[in-house]
């Protein structure tokens, strides 16, 4: 029984796919969810999952940065793919008002369309939100009780975390929690119920201490897990068991046996 890296971008890593999976296994990470972000990226994520299933699963979506490339035909192209055994969720989707790489109204429109897709195919979502707290919550409220999932790489306020928890979403923590200036995030982790937490890398981004300055990879999820376990006052083994159970409860297509 090993760790799950809830969110990584294997096709964006500098190391090879084979090396990524080898080092992950050596570190005790035996499951990875690799993430699609746009029409060019989704097929790469699915292909990696197909080649490496059941070690690798995937989510397919439309990142807010890429909302400007939205085409309605994407819905018809994506929908049948969500029936594939390797595809366990919809994502990465959401809102990003920090970079504003796509117009905000278009981001919101695409976010709603992808949440509607998740509702139709009965899959959980992986949500990206940055500097868009109120709009994220308001849109999630429109689908309350109809869609579940995680707020991935959570770096927002404690208030945002609990607003999302109240709507039924779980919180996924990346290596940011190990950063020197992340005390507010550490306080948030302390406040989130253990049965609503996940850990991830968001590789190749945001490598945790002691790997700062390196490109992140799934094997580094252990360093994030160590910090989360410390913050929750539990053993690493307890956190591993609980986060696995949390993933099973939410991402029900993942079979651990």
Protein backbone atom coordinates (compact mmCIF):
# COMPACT_ATOMS: atom_id res chain seq x y z
CA UNK A 1 0.00 0.00 0.00
CA UNK A 2 1.66 3.21 -1.17
CA UNK A 3 1.05 6.89 -1.77
CA UNK A 4 -1.09 8.58 -4.40
CA UNK A 5 0.14 11.79 -6.01
CA UNK A 6 -3.23 13.40 -6.57
CA UNK A 7 -2.08 15.88 -9.22
CA UNK A 8 0.96 15.85 -11.52
CA UNK A 9 1.77 16.72 -15.13
CA UNK A 10 3.94 13.78 -16.22
CA UNK A 11 4.18 14.95 -19.83
CA UNK A 12 5.71 18.25 -18.66
CA UNK A 13 8.53 16.68 -16.62
CA UNK A 14 12.17 17.02 -17.64
CA UNK A 15 12.84 13.40 -16.67
CA UNK A 16 11.51 10.62 -18.85
CA UNK A 17 8.22 8.94 -18.15
CA UNK A 18 10.08 5.76 -17.25
CA UNK A 19 12.42 7.55 -14.85
CA UNK A 20 9.51 9.39 -13.25
CA UNK A 21 7.65 6.17 -12.51
CA UNK A 22 10.80 4.36 -11.35
CA UNK A 23 11.77 7.01 -8.82
CA UNK A 24 8.16 7.36 -7.68
CA UNK A 25 7.91 3.62 -6.99
CA UNK A 26 11.22 3.66 -5.12
CA UNK A 27 9.85 6.47 -2.93
CA UNK A 28 6.67 4.52 -2.16
CA UNK A 29 4.37 6.35 -4.60
CA UNK A 30 2.45 3.68 -6.47
CA UNK A 31 -0.37 5.75 -7.98
CA UNK A 32 -0.28 9.05 -9.86
CA UNK A 33 -3.05 11.09 -11.42
CA UNK A 34 -1.63 12.95 -14.41
CA UNK A 35 -3.57 15.99 -15.55
CA UNK A 36 -4.74 17.27 -18.91
CA UNK A 37 -5.11 21.01 -19.30
CA UNK A 38 -6.12 21.78 -22.90
CA UNK A 39 -6.90 20.16 -26.28
CA UNK A 40 -3.20 19.62 -27.00
CA UNK A 41 -2.41 18.33 -23.52
CA UNK A 42 -5.36 16.01 -22.86
CA UNK A 43 -4.34 13.34 -25.40
CA UNK A 44 -0.83 13.25 -23.92
CA UNK A 45 -2.16 12.70 -20.41
CA UNK A 46 -4.54 9.98 -21.58
CA UNK A 47 -1.80 8.24 -23.58
CA UNK A 48 0.51 8.16 -20.55
CA UNK A 49 -2.29 6.73 -18.40
CA UNK A 50 -3.14 4.09 -21.00
CA UNK A 51 0.48 2.96 -21.22
CA UNK A 52 0.98 2.82 -17.46
CA UNK A 53 -2.42 1.90 -16.03
CA UNK A 54 -3.11 1.14 -13.18
CA UNK A 55 -0.05 2.99 -11.84
CA UNK A 56 -1.14 6.12 -13.68
CA UNK A 57 -4.67 7.50 -13.99
CA UNK A 58 -5.64 10.79 -15.56
CA UNK A 59 -8.07 13.69 -15.50
CA UNK A 60 -8.98 15.60 -18.65
CA UNK A 61 -10.06 19.22 -18.65
CA UNK A 62 -9.58 22.83 -19.71
CA UNK A 63 -7.30 25.03 -17.61
CA UNK A 64 -8.48 28.63 -17.16
CA UNK A 65 -5.30 29.83 -18.87
CA UNK A 66 -6.51 28.04 -22.01
CA UNK A 67 -10.15 29.11 -21.91
CA UNK A 68 -9.37 31.50 -24.78
CA UNK A 69 -8.97 28.42 -27.00
CA UNK A 70 -12.41 27.05 -26.15
CA UNK A 71 -14.46 25.49 -28.93
CA UNK A 72 -17.88 23.93 -28.33
CA UNK A 73 -16.83 20.82 -30.24
CA UNK A 74 -14.45 20.05 -27.36
CA UNK A 75 -17.41 18.91 -25.28
CA UNK A 76 -18.32 16.29 -27.86
CA UNK A 77 -14.70 15.20 -28.12
CA UNK A 78 -14.17 14.93 -24.37
CA UNK A 79 -17.40 13.30 -23.28
CA UNK A 80 -16.73 9.76 -24.54
CA UNK A 81 -13.20 9.84 -23.12
CA UNK A 82 -14.59 10.13 -19.60
CA UNK A 83 -15.86 6.57 -19.97
CA UNK A 84 -12.32 5.21 -20.37
CA UNK A 85 -11.10 3.21 -17.37
CA UNK A 86 -7.98 5.33 -17.06
CA UNK A 87 -9.91 8.61 -16.77
CA UNK A 88 -10.94 9.21 -13.17
CA UNK A 89 -11.99 12.86 -13.16
CA UNK A 90 -12.57 16.16 -14.92
CA UNK A 91 -9.78 18.69 -14.66
CA UNK A 92 -7.87 20.77 -14.49
CA UNK A 93 -10.61 23.39 -14.56
CA UNK A 94 -11.32 26.62 -12.72
CA UNK A 95 -10.48 30.32 -12.60
CA UNK A 96 -7.19 32.24 -12.56
CA UNK A 97 -7.39 36.00 -12.11
CA UNK A 98 -3.72 36.31 -11.18
CA UNK A 99 -2.39 35.83 -14.70
CA UNK A 100 -5.62 36.58 -16.60
CA UNK A 101 -4.33 34.63 -19.60
CA UNK A 102 -7.94 34.34 -20.77
CA UNK A 103 -10.78 36.86 -20.37
CA UNK A 104 -12.53 36.40 -17.05
CA UNK A 105 -16.03 36.07 -18.49
CA UNK A 106 -14.77 33.35 -20.81
CA UNK A 107 -13.04 31.59 -17.93
CA UNK A 108 -16.31 31.55 -15.99
CA UNK A 109 -18.25 30.27 -18.99
CA UNK A 110 -15.81 27.42 -19.61
CA UNK A 111 -15.69 26.59 -15.89
CA UNK A 112 -19.47 26.21 -15.83
CA UNK A 113 -19.46 24.06 -18.97
CA UNK A 114 -16.85 21.72 -17.50
CA UNK A 115 -18.71 21.44 -14.20
CA UNK A 116 -21.83 20.58 -16.16
CA UNK A 117 -19.81 17.92 -17.97
CA UNK A 118 -18.63 16.50 -14.65
CA UNK A 119 -22.23 16.35 -13.50
CA UNK A 120 -23.30 14.52 -16.65
CA UNK A 121 -20.51 11.93 -16.54
CA UNK A 122 -20.64 11.57 -12.72
CA UNK A 123 -16.94 12.21 -12.16
CA UNK A 124 -15.17 14.36 -9.57
CA UNK A 125 -13.30 17.52 -10.54
CA UNK A 126 -9.84 18.95 -9.92
CA UNK A 127 -10.20 22.71 -9.52
CA UNK A 128 -7.61 25.45 -9.97
CA UNK A 129 -8.43 28.79 -8.33
CA UNK A 130 -6.13 31.77 -7.92
CA UNK A 131 -7.19 35.28 -6.90
CA UNK A 132 -10.76 34.36 -7.83
CA UNK A 133 -12.24 33.28 -4.50
CA UNK A 134 -15.71 34.82 -4.72
CA UNK A 135 -16.39 33.83 -8.33
CA UNK A 136 -15.08 30.30 -7.72
CA UNK A 137 -17.40 29.83 -4.75
CA UNK A 138 -20.39 31.36 -6.50
CA UNK A 139 -20.01 29.06 -9.50
CA UNK A 140 -19.49 26.02 -7.29
CA UNK A 141 -22.70 26.92 -5.44
CA UNK A 142 -24.58 26.57 -8.74
CA UNK A 143 -23.59 22.88 -8.75
CA UNK A 144 -23.88 22.24 -5.01
CA UNK A 145 -24.79 18.64 -4.32
CA UNK A 146 -24.30 17.73 -7.99
CA UNK A 147 -20.50 17.76 -8.38
CA UNK A 148 -17.71 16.89 -5.95
CA UNK A 149 -13.95 17.04 -6.16
CA UNK A 150 -10.87 18.77 -4.85
CA UNK A 151 -9.44 22.25 -4.79
CA UNK A 152 -6.02 21.30 -6.05
CA UNK A 153 -2.74 22.89 -4.92
CA UNK A 154 -4.65 24.88 -2.34
CA UNK A 155 -2.91 28.15 -1.43
CA UNK A 156 -5.90 30.33 -0.60
CA UNK A 157 -7.22 31.65 2.67
CA UNK A 158 -8.62 29.59 5.51
CA UNK A 159 -11.96 31.22 4.79
CA UNK A 160 -11.87 29.98 1.18
CA UNK A 161 -10.93 26.48 2.34
CA UNK A 162 -13.92 26.26 4.65
CA UNK A 163 -16.31 27.78 2.11
CA UNK A 164 -15.25 25.03 -0.30
CA UNK A 165 -15.44 22.36 2.40
CA UNK A 166 -18.98 23.49 3.16
CA UNK A 167 -19.84 22.93 -0.50
CA UNK A 168 -18.53 19.36 -0.32
CA UNK A 169 -15.09 19.84 -1.85
CA UNK A 170 -11.87 18.42 -0.44
CA UNK A 171 -8.55 20.23 -0.16
CA UNK A 172 -5.35 19.03 -1.83
CA UNK A 173 -2.01 20.29 -0.51
CA UNK A 174 1.16 20.72 -2.55
CA UNK A 175 4.78 21.42 -1.66
CA UNK A 176 3.92 25.05 -1.02
CA UNK A 177 3.07 23.98 2.56
CA UNK A 178 6.80 23.40 3.15
CA UNK A 179 7.84 26.90 2.03
CA UNK A 180 9.28 29.29 4.61
CA UNK A 181 6.63 31.97 4.01
CA UNK A 182 3.63 29.62 4.03
CA UNK A 183 2.59 29.82 7.68
CA UNK A 184 -0.95 30.92 6.76
CA UNK A 185 -1.32 27.80 4.62
CA UNK A 186 0.02 25.65 7.45
CA UNK A 187 -2.64 27.11 9.74
CA UNK A 188 -5.26 26.23 7.13
CA UNK A 189 -4.01 22.65 6.94
CA UNK A 190 -4.31 22.37 10.71
CA UNK A 191 -7.96 23.44 10.42
CA UNK A 192 -9.04 21.11 7.60
CA UNK A 193 -10.59 17.80 8.72
CA UNK A 194 -8.25 14.89 8.12
CA UNK A 195 -10.86 13.03 6.11
CA UNK A 196 -11.02 15.90 3.62
CA UNK A 197 -7.28 16.22 2.86
CA UNK A 198 -5.12 15.05 -0.04
CA UNK A 199 -1.47 15.52 -1.01
CA UNK A 200 -0.03 16.23 -4.44
CA UNK A 201 3.04 17.55 -6.19
CA UNK A 202 1.68 19.57 -9.14
CA UNK A 203 4.91 18.40 -10.74
CA UNK A 204 6.95 19.81 -12.41
CA UNK A 205 6.00 22.93 -10.45
CA UNK A 206 6.46 23.92 -6.78
CA UNK A 207 9.04 21.41 -5.59
CA UNK A 208 8.88 21.08 -1.79
CA UNK A 209 11.69 21.65 0.67
CA UNK A 210 14.36 20.18 0.52
CA UNK A 211 14.11 20.13 -3.30
CA UNK A 212 13.52 23.85 -3.85
CA UNK A 213 15.14 24.99 -7.09
CA UNK A 214 14.68 21.58 -8.71
CA UNK A 215 11.93 20.50 -11.07
CA UNK A 216 9.26 18.74 -9.03
CA UNK A 217 8.35 15.11 -9.62
CA UNK A 218 5.87 12.64 -8.07
CA UNK A 219 8.45 11.03 -5.78
CA UNK A 220 8.66 14.34 -3.90
CA UNK A 221 5.07 14.01 -2.66
CA UNK A 222 6.55 12.27 0.39
CA UNK A 223 8.13 15.55 1.53
CA UNK A 224 4.77 17.30 1.39
CA UNK A 225 3.14 14.39 3.21
CA UNK A 226 5.73 14.58 5.98
CA UNK A 227 4.90 18.23 6.61
CA UNK A 228 1.14 17.62 6.52
CA UNK A 229 1.45 14.71 8.95
CA UNK A 230 3.49 16.91 11.28
CA UNK A 231 0.87 19.66 11.12
CA UNK A 232 -1.94 17.19 11.83
CA UNK A 233 -0.03 15.55 14.69
CA UNK A 234 -0.20 12.06 13.22
CA UNK A 235 2.23 9.50 11.84
CA UNK A 236 3.12 9.37 8.18
CA UNK A 237 1.52 5.93 8.04
CA UNK A 238 -1.77 7.29 9.40
CA UNK A 239 -1.76 10.07 6.82
CA UNK A 240 -1.05 7.60 4.03
CA UNK A 241 -3.97 5.40 5.05
CA UNK A 242 -6.33 8.34 5.43
CA UNK A 243 -5.45 10.07 2.16
CA UNK A 244 -5.82 6.79 0.32
CA UNK A 245 -9.27 6.34 1.84
CA UNK A 246 -10.14 9.94 0.95
CA UNK A 247 -9.14 9.32 -2.65
CA UNK A 248 -11.18 6.12 -2.80
CA UNK A 249 -14.21 7.91 -1.43
CA UNK A 250 -14.02 10.70 -3.98
CA UNK A 251 -12.32 9.23 -7.07
CA UNK A 252 -14.29 6.02 -7.13
CA UNK A 253 -12.88 4.74 -10.44
CA UNK A 254 -9.52 4.22 -8.75
CA UNK A 255 -9.30 0.59 -7.71
CA UNK A 256 -6.61 -0.15 -5.13
CA UNK A 257 -6.87 -3.94 -5.17
